[in-house]
Amino acid sequence: MVPIGVLATRPHRILLATDLTSRCDRAFDRATLLAREWEAQLHVLHAIESEPPAAPMGVDPESYARTHPDPVPAAHRALKRLVGDASAAYCHVETCTAAKAILAIAASEACDLIVLGESRVQLVGPVESTLEQVVRKAPVSTLIVRSRPQGEYRRVIVGTDFTDEARQALAWSAKCFRHAWIRLVHASWVSSAGWLDSTTAVADDSEQKLARLRAQLDESELADRTPPIEAHVEVGHPAAVLRRCAESIGADLVVIGAYERSMLFNTVVGNMRSIVRGTSGDILVVRAARDRM
């Protein structure tokens, strides 16, 4: 098992991906807040997914170039305007798909955290959006920003299914959001919950899991954390439970842990994908480190 102290380190380099439209403004504001809070280096990326067409036959190339300028210099200027006072930010423009650009820059610049806004276009079915590709493939944690930042994250929900990924997500959250009030939430979900949800069996199972959560906290390095971590168990599908819990306490962030997954696993099992899609506010997917022992 990977020691908690090895995992719980604050990011040193943050990568913000932007399409230079207003829907990424909240993600930019959050990324700059986190960079200041953690004294981290900020990288800002824009991907140009299609190159400008070549001059048609019979059209003067110079005249065509004036009316169809190279988008790369324009994108660099736009990024410089965007970062403004964050003059220490590093700007990157890549000519490839957004997902490929994000993964490449995150690797080449050794970024610890990727910050993304969310497109208004919501895909359904097995097709992956850029956001979903990055969440599934990135070797580092990914923060999806949906809400307007109101300062530091203060009320955080961390989902747990008793796996090592969940344990790492809790350790990361406690370290990086040290002043936040954290509720550790387990969704007590079984396929037969539809007909058992009012029975003693489900209540007993929930009580046992709550006791297990509290015991894990008592035995962990986080037992003496201030403010203390609260354990909570609720019956239901993980996506629905996390959303309800976040709304009930006014949480400004939901955190889950996950290893890198294949697209088949993500499509068939789908818990991570359903949680990302089903959460209305900001969500952080902590990329868990696998034990190599």
C-alpha atoms as a PDB file:
ATOM      1  CA  MET A   1       0.000   0.000   0.000  1.00  0.00           C
ATOM      2  CA  VAL A   2       1.347   3.456  -0.932  1.00  0.00           C
ATOM      3  CA  PRO A   3       2.096   5.527   2.211  1.00  0.00           C
ATOM      4  CA  ILE A   4      -0.221   8.524   2.676  1.00  0.00           C
ATOM      5  CA  GLY A   5       2.692  10.913   3.214  1.00  0.00           C
ATOM      6  CA  VAL A   6       4.041  10.108  -0.252  1.00  0.00           C
ATOM      7  CA  LEU A   7       0.703  10.890  -1.877  1.00  0.00           C
ATOM      8  CA  ALA A   8      -0.382  13.992  -0.022  1.00  0.00           C
ATOM      9  CA  THR A   9       1.782  16.630  -1.657  1.00  0.00           C
ATOM     10  CA  ARG A  10       0.500  19.914  -3.005  1.00  0.00           C
ATOM     11  CA  PRO A  11       0.791  20.483  -6.758  1.00  0.00           C
ATOM     12  CA  HIS A  12       3.831  22.444  -7.918  1.00  0.00           C
ATOM     13  CA  ARG A  13       2.672  22.961 -11.525  1.00  0.00           C
ATOM     14  CA  ILE A  14      -0.922  23.535 -12.598  1.00  0.00           C
ATOM     15  CA  LEU A  15      -2.123  23.273 -16.196  1.00  0.00           C
ATOM     16  CA  LEU A  16      -5.236  25.199 -17.223  1.00  0.00           C
ATOM     17  CA  ALA A  17      -6.740  24.295 -20.595  1.00  0.00           C
ATOM     18  CA  THR A  18      -8.916  26.972 -22.200  1.00  0.00           C
ATOM     19  CA  ASP A  19     -10.808  27.368 -25.465  1.00  0.00           C
ATOM     20  CA  LEU A  20     -10.567  31.173 -24.986  1.00  0.00           C
ATOM     21  CA  THR A  21     -14.330  31.538 -24.573  1.00  0.00           C
ATOM     22  CA  SER A  22     -16.199  32.842 -21.535  1.00  0.00           C
ATOM     23  CA  ARG A  23     -17.154  29.323 -20.384  1.00  0.00           C
ATOM     24  CA  CYS A  24     -13.535  28.782 -19.313  1.00  0.00           C
ATOM     25  CA  ASP A  25     -13.351  31.980 -17.230  1.00  0.00           C
ATOM     26  CA  ARG A  26     -14.367  30.205 -14.010  1.00  0.00           C
ATOM     27  CA  ALA A  27     -11.720  27.542 -14.545  1.00  0.00           C
ATOM     28  CA  PHE A  28      -9.097  30.251 -15.123  1.00  0.00           C
ATOM     29  CA  ASP A  29     -10.103  32.091 -11.939  1.00  0.00           C
ATOM     30  CA  ARG A  30      -9.930  28.867  -9.909  1.00  0.00           C
ATOM     31  CA  ALA A  31      -6.554  27.885 -11.404  1.00  0.00           C
ATOM     32  CA  THR A  32      -5.037  31.273 -10.550  1.00  0.00           C
ATOM     33  CA  LEU A  33      -6.457  31.087  -7.006  1.00  0.00           C
ATOM     34  CA  LEU A  34      -4.943  27.643  -6.470  1.00  0.00           C
ATOM     35  CA  ALA A  35      -1.609  28.698  -7.979  1.00  0.00           C
ATOM     36  CA  ARG A  36      -1.382  31.579  -5.489  1.00  0.00           C
ATOM     37  CA  GLU A  37      -2.573  29.460  -2.559  1.00  0.00           C
ATOM     38  CA  TRP A  38      -0.092  26.667  -3.255  1.00  0.00           C
ATOM     39  CA  GLU A  39       2.675  28.893  -4.694  1.00  0.00           C
ATOM     40  CA  ALA A  40       2.498  26.733  -7.805  1.00  0.00           C
ATOM     41  CA  GLN A  41       3.642  27.446 -11.346  1.00  0.00           C
ATOM     42  CA  LEU A  42       0.743  28.107 -13.724  1.00  0.00           C
ATOM     43  CA  HIS A  43       0.670  26.874 -17.325  1.00  0.00           C
ATOM     44  CA  VAL A  44      -2.142  27.977 -19.670  1.00  0.00           C
ATOM     45  CA  LEU A  45      -2.883  26.009 -22.837  1.00  0.00           C
ATOM     46  CA  HIS A  46      -5.013  26.582 -25.922  1.00  0.00           C
ATOM     47  CA  ALA A  47      -5.366  23.906 -28.613  1.00  0.00           C
ATOM     48  CA  ILE A  48      -6.058  24.772 -32.251  1.00  0.00           C
ATOM     49  CA  GLU A  49      -7.756  21.653 -33.539  1.00  0.00           C
ATOM     50  CA  SER A  50      -7.726  22.493 -37.263  1.00  0.00           C
ATOM     51  CA  GLU A  51      -5.083  24.202 -39.369  1.00  0.00           C
ATOM     52  CA  PRO A  52      -6.107  27.033 -41.728  1.00  0.00           C
ATOM     53  CA  PRO A  53      -6.756  25.822 -45.290  1.00  0.00           C
ATOM     54  CA  ALA A  54      -4.174  26.401 -47.979  1.00  0.00           C
ATOM     55  CA  ALA A  55      -4.774  29.087 -50.579  1.00  0.00           C
ATOM     56  CA  PRO A  56      -7.087  27.810 -53.319  1.00  0.00           C
ATOM     57  CA  MET A  57      -5.645  27.332 -56.777  1.00  0.00           C
ATOM     58  CA  GLY A  58      -5.492  30.625 -58.672  1.00  0.00           C
ATOM     59  CA  VAL A  59      -5.636  32.805 -55.515  1.00  0.00           C
ATOM     60  CA  ASP A  60      -2.635  34.936 -54.596  1.00  0.00           C
ATOM     61  CA  PRO A  61      -1.083  33.295 -51.486  1.00  0.00           C
ATOM     62  CA  GLU A  62      -0.106  36.616 -49.850  1.00  0.00           C
ATOM     63  CA  SER A  63      -3.582  38.095 -50.252  1.00  0.00           C
ATOM     64  CA  TYR A  64      -5.130  34.895 -48.965  1.00  0.00           C
ATOM     65  CA  ALA A  65      -2.802  34.891 -45.948  1.00  0.00           C
ATOM     66  CA  ARG A  66      -3.876  38.432 -45.048  1.00  0.00           C
ATOM     67  CA  THR A  67      -7.550  37.428 -44.970  1.00  0.00           C
ATOM     68  CA  HIS A  68      -6.861  34.011 -43.389  1.00  0.00           C
ATOM     69  CA  PRO A  69      -4.057  34.711 -40.877  1.00  0.00           C
ATOM     70  CA  ASP A  70      -2.167  32.009 -39.023  1.00  0.00           C
ATOM     71  CA  PRO A  71      -4.217  31.377 -35.852  1.00  0.00           C
ATOM     72  CA  VAL A  72      -1.181  30.482 -33.706  1.00  0.00           C
ATOM     73  CA  PRO A  73       0.155  34.047 -33.148  1.00  0.00           C
ATOM     74  CA  ALA A  74      -3.392  35.260 -32.510  1.00  0.00           C
ATOM     75  CA  ALA A  75      -3.891  32.529 -29.912  1.00  0.00           C
ATOM     76  CA  HIS A  76      -0.635  33.473 -28.186  1.00  0.00           C
ATOM     77  CA  ARG A  77      -1.772  37.097 -27.978  1.00  0.00           C
ATOM     78  CA  ALA A  78      -5.155  36.026 -26.616  1.00  0.00           C
ATOM     79  CA  LEU A  79      -3.495  33.903 -23.923  1.00  0.00           C
ATOM     80  CA  LYS A  80      -1.245  36.806 -22.914  1.00  0.00           C
ATOM     81  CA  ARG A  81      -4.304  39.036 -22.562  1.00  0.00           C
ATOM     82  CA  LEU A  82      -6.050  36.336 -20.552  1.00  0.00           C
ATOM     83  CA  VAL A  83      -3.256  35.835 -18.015  1.00  0.00           C
ATOM     84  CA  GLY A  84      -2.870  39.603 -17.568  1.00  0.00           C
ATOM     85  CA  ASP A  85      -1.543  40.162 -14.042  1.00  0.00           C
ATOM     86  CA  ALA A  86      -0.534  36.514 -13.799  1.00  0.00           C
ATOM     87  CA  SER A  87       2.544  37.476 -15.785  1.00  0.00           C
ATOM     88  CA  ALA A  88       4.510  34.505 -14.474  1.00  0.00           C
ATOM     89  CA  ALA A  89       2.134  32.096 -16.217  1.00  0.00           C
ATOM     90  CA  TYR A  90       3.542  30.036 -19.069  1.00  0.00           C
ATOM     91  CA  CYS A  91       1.459  30.100 -22.258  1.00  0.00           C
ATOM     92  CA  HIS A  92       1.241  27.194 -24.698  1.00  0.00           C
ATOM     93  CA  VAL A  93      -0.478  26.891 -28.077  1.00  0.00           C
ATOM     94  CA  GLU A  94      -0.711  23.466 -29.727  1.00  0.00           C
ATOM     95  CA  THR A  95      -2.116  22.515 -33.130  1.00  0.00           C
ATOM     96  CA  CYS A  96      -3.802  19.185 -32.429  1.00  0.00           C
ATOM     97  CA  THR A  97      -6.885  17.873 -30.685  1.00  0.00           C
ATOM     98  CA  ALA A  98      -7.546  19.379 -27.273  1.00  0.00           C
ATOM     99  CA  ALA A  99      -7.212  16.088 -25.395  1.00  0.00           C
ATOM    100  CA  LYS A 100      -3.909  15.259 -27.089  1.00  0.00           C
ATOM    101  CA  ALA A 101      -2.546  18.755 -26.393  1.00  0.00           C
ATOM    102  CA  ILE A 102      -3.552  18.647 -22.720  1.00  0.00           C
ATOM    103  CA  LEU A 103      -1.965  15.257 -22.132  1.00  0.00           C
ATOM    104  CA  ALA A 104       1.205  16.234 -24.002  1.00  0.00           C
ATOM    105  CA  ILE A 105       1.777  19.517 -22.166  1.00  0.00           C
ATOM    106  CA  ALA A 106       0.918  17.971 -18.802  1.00  0.00           C
ATOM    107  CA  ALA A 107       3.653  15.391 -19.463  1.00  0.00           C
ATOM    108  CA  SER A 108       6.294  17.696 -20.961  1.00  0.00           C
ATOM    109  CA  GLU A 109       5.906  20.349 -18.232  1.00  0.00           C
ATOM    110  CA  ALA A 110       5.555  17.800 -15.405  1.00  0.00           C
ATOM    111  CA  CYS A 111       2.247  19.305 -14.265  1.00  0.00           C
ATOM    112  CA  ASP A 112       0.660  17.898 -11.108  1.00  0.00           C
ATOM    113  CA  LEU A 113      -2.907  19.092 -11.706  1.00  0.00           C
ATOM    114  CA  ILE A 114      -5.025  19.766 -14.800  1.00  0.00           C
ATOM    115  CA  VAL A 115      -7.837  22.329 -14.508  1.00  0.00           C
ATOM    116  CA  LEU A 116     -10.663  22.316 -17.045  1.00  0.00           C
ATOM    117  CA  GLY A 117     -13.900  24.154 -17.626  1.00  0.00           C
ATOM    118  CA  GLU A 118     -16.807  22.289 -19.160  1.00  0.00           C
ATOM    119  CA  SER A 119     -18.364  22.573 -22.586  1.00  0.00           C
ATOM    120  CA  ARG A 120     -22.050  23.377 -22.765  1.00  0.00           C
ATOM    121  CA  VAL A 121     -22.365  20.479 -25.194  1.00  0.00           C
ATOM    122  CA  GLN A 122     -23.165  17.338 -23.190  1.00  0.00           C
ATOM    123  CA  LEU A 123     -22.498  14.094 -25.008  1.00  0.00           C
ATOM    124  CA  VAL A 124     -24.480  10.944 -24.327  1.00  0.00           C
ATOM    125  CA  GLY A 125     -23.707   7.296 -24.961  1.00  0.00           C
ATOM    126  CA  PRO A 126     -20.234   5.782 -25.301  1.00  0.00           C
ATOM    127  CA  VAL A 127     -18.670   8.788 -27.099  1.00  0.00           C
ATOM    128  CA  GLU A 128     -16.118  10.538 -24.885  1.00  0.00           C
ATOM    129  CA  SER A 129     -15.838  14.307 -24.642  1.00  0.00           C
ATOM    130  CA  THR A 130     -12.440  16.001 -24.334  1.00  0.00           C
ATOM    131  CA  LEU A 131     -13.048  16.331 -20.606  1.00  0.00           C
ATOM    132  CA  GLU A 132     -13.818  12.625 -20.214  1.00  0.00           C
ATOM    133  CA  GLN A 133     -10.768  11.599 -22.231  1.00  0.00           C
ATOM    134  CA  VAL A 134      -8.516  13.721 -20.023  1.00  0.00           C
ATOM    135  CA  VAL A 135     -10.104  12.485 -16.787  1.00  0.00           C
ATOM    136  CA  ARG A 136      -9.661   8.865 -17.886  1.00  0.00           C
ATOM    137  CA  LYS A 137      -6.184   9.091 -19.440  1.00  0.00           C
ATOM    138  CA  ALA A 138      -4.259  11.782 -17.574  1.00  0.00           C
ATOM    139  CA  PRO A 139      -1.547  10.467 -15.251  1.00  0.00           C
ATOM    140  CA  VAL A 140      -2.252  13.348 -12.850  1.00  0.00           C
ATOM    141  CA  SER A 141      -5.304  14.672 -11.040  1.00  0.00           C
ATOM    142  CA  THR A 142      -7.977  16.645 -12.908  1.00  0.00           C
ATOM    143  CA  LEU A 143     -10.185  19.417 -11.535  1.00  0.00           C
ATOM    144  CA  ILE A 144     -13.393  20.230 -13.424  1.00  0.00           C
ATOM    145  CA  VAL A 145     -14.619  23.729 -12.566  1.00  0.00           C
ATOM    146  CA  ARG A 146     -18.303  24.538 -12.950  1.00  0.00           C
ATOM    147  CA  SER A 147     -18.966  27.071 -10.194  1.00  0.00           C
ATOM    148  CA  ARG A 148     -17.778  30.666  -9.869  1.00  0.00           C
ATOM    149  CA  PRO A 149     -14.909  30.703  -7.329  1.00  0.00           C
ATOM    150  CA  GLN A 150     -15.749  32.343  -3.991  1.00  0.00           C
ATOM    151  CA  GLY A 151     -12.340  31.963  -2.374  1.00  0.00           C
ATOM    152  CA  GLU A 152     -10.731  28.753  -1.113  1.00  0.00           C
ATOM    153  CA  TYR A 153     -12.620  25.479  -1.095  1.00  0.00           C
ATOM    154  CA  ARG A 154     -14.234  25.366   2.357  1.00  0.00           C
ATOM    155  CA  ARG A 155     -16.718  22.475   2.320  1.00  0.00           C
ATOM    156  CA  VAL A 156     -15.515  19.307   0.600  1.00  0.00           C
ATOM    157  CA  ILE A 157     -17.193  15.956  -0.048  1.00  0.00           C
ATOM    158  CA  VAL A 158     -14.840  13.003  -0.532  1.00  0.00           C
ATOM    159  CA  GLY A 159     -16.394   9.827  -1.914  1.00  0.00           C
ATOM    160  CA  THR A 160     -15.127   6.478  -0.675  1.00  0.00           C
ATOM    161  CA  ASP A 161     -15.773   2.836  -1.574  1.00  0.00           C
ATOM    162  CA  PHE A 162     -13.078   1.556   0.813  1.00  0.00           C
ATOM    163  CA  THR A 163     -10.580   1.169  -2.055  1.00  0.00           C
ATOM    164  CA  ASP A 164      -7.007   2.434  -2.066  1.00  0.00           C
ATOM    165  CA  GLU A 165      -7.989   5.034  -4.690  1.00  0.00           C
ATOM    166  CA  ALA A 166     -10.498   6.494  -2.246  1.00  0.00           C
ATOM    167  CA  ARG A 167      -7.972   6.468   0.585  1.00  0.00           C
ATOM    168  CA  GLN A 168      -5.543   8.426  -1.574  1.00  0.00           C
ATOM    169  CA  ALA A 169      -8.241  10.935  -2.540  1.00  0.00           C
ATOM    170  CA  LEU A 170      -8.952  11.614   1.131  1.00  0.00           C
ATOM    171  CA  ALA A 171      -5.265  12.046   1.960  1.00  0.00           C
ATOM    172  CA  TRP A 172      -4.812  14.431  -0.994  1.00  0.00           C
ATOM    173  CA  SER A 173      -7.849  16.497   0.019  1.00  0.00           C
ATOM    174  CA  ALA A 174      -6.839  16.764   3.664  1.00  0.00           C
ATOM    175  CA  LYS A 175      -3.366  17.957   2.686  1.00  0.00           C
ATOM    176  CA  CYS A 176      -4.244  20.332  -0.137  1.00  0.00           C
ATOM    177  CA  PHE A 177      -7.382  21.846   1.401  1.00  0.00           C
ATOM    178  CA  ARG A 178      -6.102  21.994   4.946  1.00  0.00           C
ATOM    179  CA  HIS A 179      -8.678  24.514   6.212  1.00  0.00           C
ATOM    180  CA  ALA A 180     -11.675  22.823   4.585  1.00  0.00           C
ATOM    181  CA  TRP A 181     -14.385  20.953   6.445  1.00  0.00           C
ATOM    182  CA  ILE A 182     -14.445  17.450   4.923  1.00  0.00           C
ATOM    183  CA  ARG A 183     -17.254  14.905   4.879  1.00  0.00           C
ATOM    184  CA  LEU A 184     -16.188  11.383   3.902  1.00  0.00           C
ATOM    185  CA  VAL A 185     -19.169   9.781   2.139  1.00  0.00           C
ATOM    186  CA  HIS A 186     -19.845   6.148   1.284  1.00  0.00           C
ATOM    187  CA  ALA A 187     -22.785   5.149  -0.917  1.00  0.00           C
ATOM    188  CA  SER A 188     -24.209   1.874   0.353  1.00  0.00           C
ATOM    189  CA  TRP A 189     -25.266   0.510  -3.019  1.00  0.00           C
ATOM    190  CA  VAL A 190     -26.460  -3.004  -3.872  1.00  0.00           C
ATOM    191  CA  SER A 191     -28.372  -4.174  -6.920  1.00  0.00           C
ATOM    192  CA  SER A 192     -31.305  -5.213  -4.788  1.00  0.00           C
ATOM    193  CA  ALA A 193     -31.586  -1.866  -3.004  1.00  0.00           C
ATOM    194  CA  GLY A 194     -34.817  -1.124  -4.845  1.00  0.00           C
ATOM    195  CA  TRP A 195     -36.707  -3.717  -2.807  1.00  0.00           C
ATOM    196  CA  LEU A 196     -34.515  -3.720   0.286  1.00  0.00           C
ATOM    197  CA  ASP A 197     -34.216  -0.008   0.944  1.00  0.00           C
ATOM    198  CA  SER A 198     -36.777  -0.048   3.747  1.00  0.00           C
ATOM    199  CA  THR A 199     -35.624  -3.246   5.411  1.00  0.00           C
ATOM    200  CA  THR A 200     -33.545  -3.800   8.508  1.00  0.00           C
ATOM    201  CA  ALA A 201     -30.873  -5.458   6.365  1.00  0.00           C
ATOM    202  CA  VAL A 202     -29.996  -2.210   4.589  1.00  0.00           C
ATOM    203  CA  ALA A 203     -29.999  -0.219   7.832  1.00  0.00           C
ATOM    204  CA  ASP A 204     -27.701  -2.758   9.485  1.00  0.00           C
ATOM    205  CA  ASP A 205     -25.369  -2.742   6.489  1.00  0.00           C
ATOM    206  CA  SER A 206     -25.169   1.054   6.576  1.00  0.00           C
ATOM    207  CA  GLU A 207     -24.401   1.072  10.291  1.00  0.00           C
ATOM    208  CA  GLN A 208     -21.631  -1.478   9.798  1.00  0.00           C
ATOM    209  CA  LYS A 209     -20.085   0.561   7.005  1.00  0.00           C
ATOM    210  CA  LEU A 210     -20.322   3.765   9.039  1.00  0.00           C
ATOM    211  CA  ALA A 211     -18.524   2.031  11.907  1.00  0.00           C
ATOM    212  CA  ARG A 212     -15.893   0.812   9.438  1.00  0.00           C
ATOM    213  CA  LEU A 213     -15.382   4.348   8.098  1.00  0.00           C
ATOM    214  CA  ARG A 214     -14.996   5.782  11.587  1.00  0.00           C
ATOM    215  CA  ALA A 215     -12.546   3.045  12.540  1.00  0.00           C
ATOM    216  CA  GLN A 216     -10.440   3.758   9.459  1.00  0.00           C
ATOM    217  CA  LEU A 217     -10.337   7.461  10.303  1.00  0.00           C
ATOM    218  CA  ASP A 218      -9.418   6.742  13.930  1.00  0.00           C
ATOM    219  CA  GLU A 219      -6.535   4.532  12.801  1.00  0.00           C
ATOM    220  CA  SER A 220      -5.278   6.873  10.079  1.00  0.00           C
ATOM    221  CA  GLU A 221      -2.802   9.747  10.067  1.00  0.00           C
ATOM    222  CA  LEU A 222      -5.822  12.049   9.733  1.00  0.00           C
ATOM    223  CA  ALA A 223      -7.410  11.194  13.096  1.00  0.00           C
ATOM    224  CA  ASP A 224      -6.207  14.427  14.733  1.00  0.00           C
ATOM    225  CA  ARG A 225      -6.928  16.720  11.792  1.00  0.00           C
ATOM    226  CA  THR A 226      -8.553  20.080  12.524  1.00  0.00           C
ATOM    227  CA  PRO A 227     -11.265  20.561  11.483  1.00  0.00           C
ATOM    228  CA  PRO A 228     -12.060  16.848  11.971  1.00  0.00           C
ATOM    229  CA  ILE A 229     -13.286  14.673   9.114  1.00  0.00           C
ATOM    230  CA  GLU A 230     -16.913  13.565   9.356  1.00  0.00           C
ATOM    231  CA  ALA A 231     -17.965  10.074   8.209  1.00  0.00           C
ATOM    232  CA  HIS A 232     -21.317   9.582   6.488  1.00  0.00           C
ATOM    233  CA  VAL A 233     -23.050   6.569   4.877  1.00  0.00           C
ATOM    234  CA  GLU A 234     -26.160   6.815   2.724  1.00  0.00           C
ATOM    235  CA  VAL A 235     -28.068   4.249   0.648  1.00  0.00           C
ATOM    236  CA  GLY A 236     -28.116   4.834  -3.083  1.00  0.00           C
ATOM    237  CA  HIS A 237     -26.084   4.943  -6.277  1.00  0.00           C
ATOM    238  CA  PRO A 238     -22.711   6.706  -5.746  1.00  0.00           C
ATOM    239  CA  ALA A 239     -23.422   9.504  -8.242  1.00  0.00           C
ATOM    240  CA  ALA A 240     -26.807  10.270  -6.676  1.00  0.00           C
ATOM    241  CA  VAL A 241     -25.548  10.060  -3.097  1.00  0.00           C
ATOM    242  CA  LEU A 242     -22.579  12.364  -3.703  1.00  0.00           C
ATOM    243  CA  ARG A 243     -24.775  14.883  -5.455  1.00  0.00           C
ATOM    244  CA  ARG A 244     -27.364  14.860  -2.663  1.00  0.00           C
ATOM    245  CA  CYS A 245     -24.716  15.200   0.030  1.00  0.00           C
ATOM    246  CA  ALA A 246     -22.999  18.062  -1.787  1.00  0.00           C
ATOM    247  CA  GLU A 247     -26.280  19.928  -2.205  1.00  0.00           C
ATOM    248  CA  SER A 248     -27.408  19.297   1.382  1.00  0.00           C
ATOM    249  CA  ILE A 249     -24.329  20.897   2.975  1.00  0.00           C
ATOM    250  CA  GLY A 250     -23.547  23.432   0.244  1.00  0.00           C
ATOM    251  CA  ALA A 251     -20.245  21.759  -0.630  1.00  0.00           C
ATOM    252  CA  ASP A 252     -18.087  23.638  -3.107  1.00  0.00           C
ATOM    253  CA  LEU A 253     -16.081  20.569  -4.176  1.00  0.00           C
ATOM    254  CA  VAL A 254     -16.613  16.827  -4.637  1.00  0.00           C
ATOM    255  CA  VAL A 255     -13.509  14.606  -4.680  1.00  0.00           C
ATOM    256  CA  ILE A 256     -13.109  11.022  -5.878  1.00  0.00           C
ATOM    257  CA  GLY A 257     -10.035   8.873  -6.427  1.00  0.00           C
ATOM    258  CA  ALA A 258      -9.350   6.798  -9.533  1.00  0.00           C
ATOM    259  CA  TYR A 259      -6.637   4.870 -11.307  1.00  0.00           C
ATOM    260  CA  GLU A 260      -6.174   5.336 -15.045  1.00  0.00           C
ATOM    261  CA  ARG A 261      -8.811   3.224 -16.809  1.00  0.00           C
ATOM    262  CA  SER A 262      -9.438   1.767 -20.245  1.00  0.00           C
ATOM    263  CA  MET A 263     -12.350   3.161 -22.224  1.00  0.00           C
ATOM    264  CA  LEU A 264     -14.096  -0.241 -22.015  1.00  0.00           C
ATOM    265  CA  PHE A 265     -13.919  -0.220 -18.207  1.00  0.00           C
ATOM    266  CA  ASN A 266     -15.136   3.370 -18.088  1.00  0.00           C
ATOM    267  CA  THR A 267     -18.066   2.638 -20.404  1.00  0.00           C
ATOM    268  CA  VAL A 268     -19.180  -0.675 -18.862  1.00  0.00           C
ATOM    269  CA  VAL A 269     -18.538  -0.046 -15.146  1.00  0.00           C
ATOM    270  CA  GLY A 270     -18.914   3.695 -15.420  1.00  0.00           C
ATOM    271  CA  ASN A 271     -18.998   4.832 -11.777  1.00  0.00           C
ATOM    272  CA  MET A 272     -16.348   7.509 -12.307  1.00  0.00           C
ATOM    273  CA  ARG A 273     -18.005   8.700 -15.501  1.00  0.00           C
ATOM    274  CA  SER A 274     -21.475   8.807 -13.928  1.00  0.00           C
ATOM    275  CA  ILE A 275     -20.153  10.739 -10.916  1.00  0.00           C
ATOM    276  CA  VAL A 276     -18.395  13.299 -13.128  1.00  0.00           C
ATOM    277  CA  ARG A 277     -21.511  13.741 -15.249  1.00  0.00           C
ATOM    278  CA  GLY A 278     -23.914  13.691 -12.302  1.00  0.00           C
ATOM    279  CA  THR A 279     -22.137  16.246 -10.101  1.00  0.00           C
ATOM    280  CA  SER A 280     -23.440  19.779 -10.587  1.00  0.00           C
ATOM    281  CA  GLY A 281     -20.539  21.674  -8.990  1.00  0.00           C
ATOM    282  CA  ASP A 282     -16.752  21.414  -9.070  1.00  0.00           C
ATOM    283  CA  ILE A 283     -15.318  17.909  -9.011  1.00  0.00           C
ATOM    284  CA  LEU A 284     -11.753  16.739  -8.510  1.00  0.00           C
ATOM    285  CA  VAL A 285     -10.606  13.346  -9.741  1.00  0.00           C
ATOM    286  CA  VAL A 286      -7.462  12.478  -7.789  1.00  0.00           C
ATOM    287  CA  ARG A 287      -5.208  10.234  -9.844  1.00  0.00           C
ATOM    288  CA  ALA A 288      -4.254   7.450  -7.494  1.00  0.00           C
ATOM    289  CA  ALA A 289      -0.772   5.971  -7.520  1.00  0.00           C
ATOM    290  CA  ARG A 290      -0.584   2.204  -7.913  1.00  0.00           C
ATOM    291  CA  ASP A 291       1.454   0.238  -5.423  1.00  0.00           C
ATOM    292  CA  ARG A 292       4.447  -1.117  -7.377  1.00  0.00           C
ATOM    293  CA  MET A 293       5.557  -3.477  -4.596  1.00  0.00           C
END
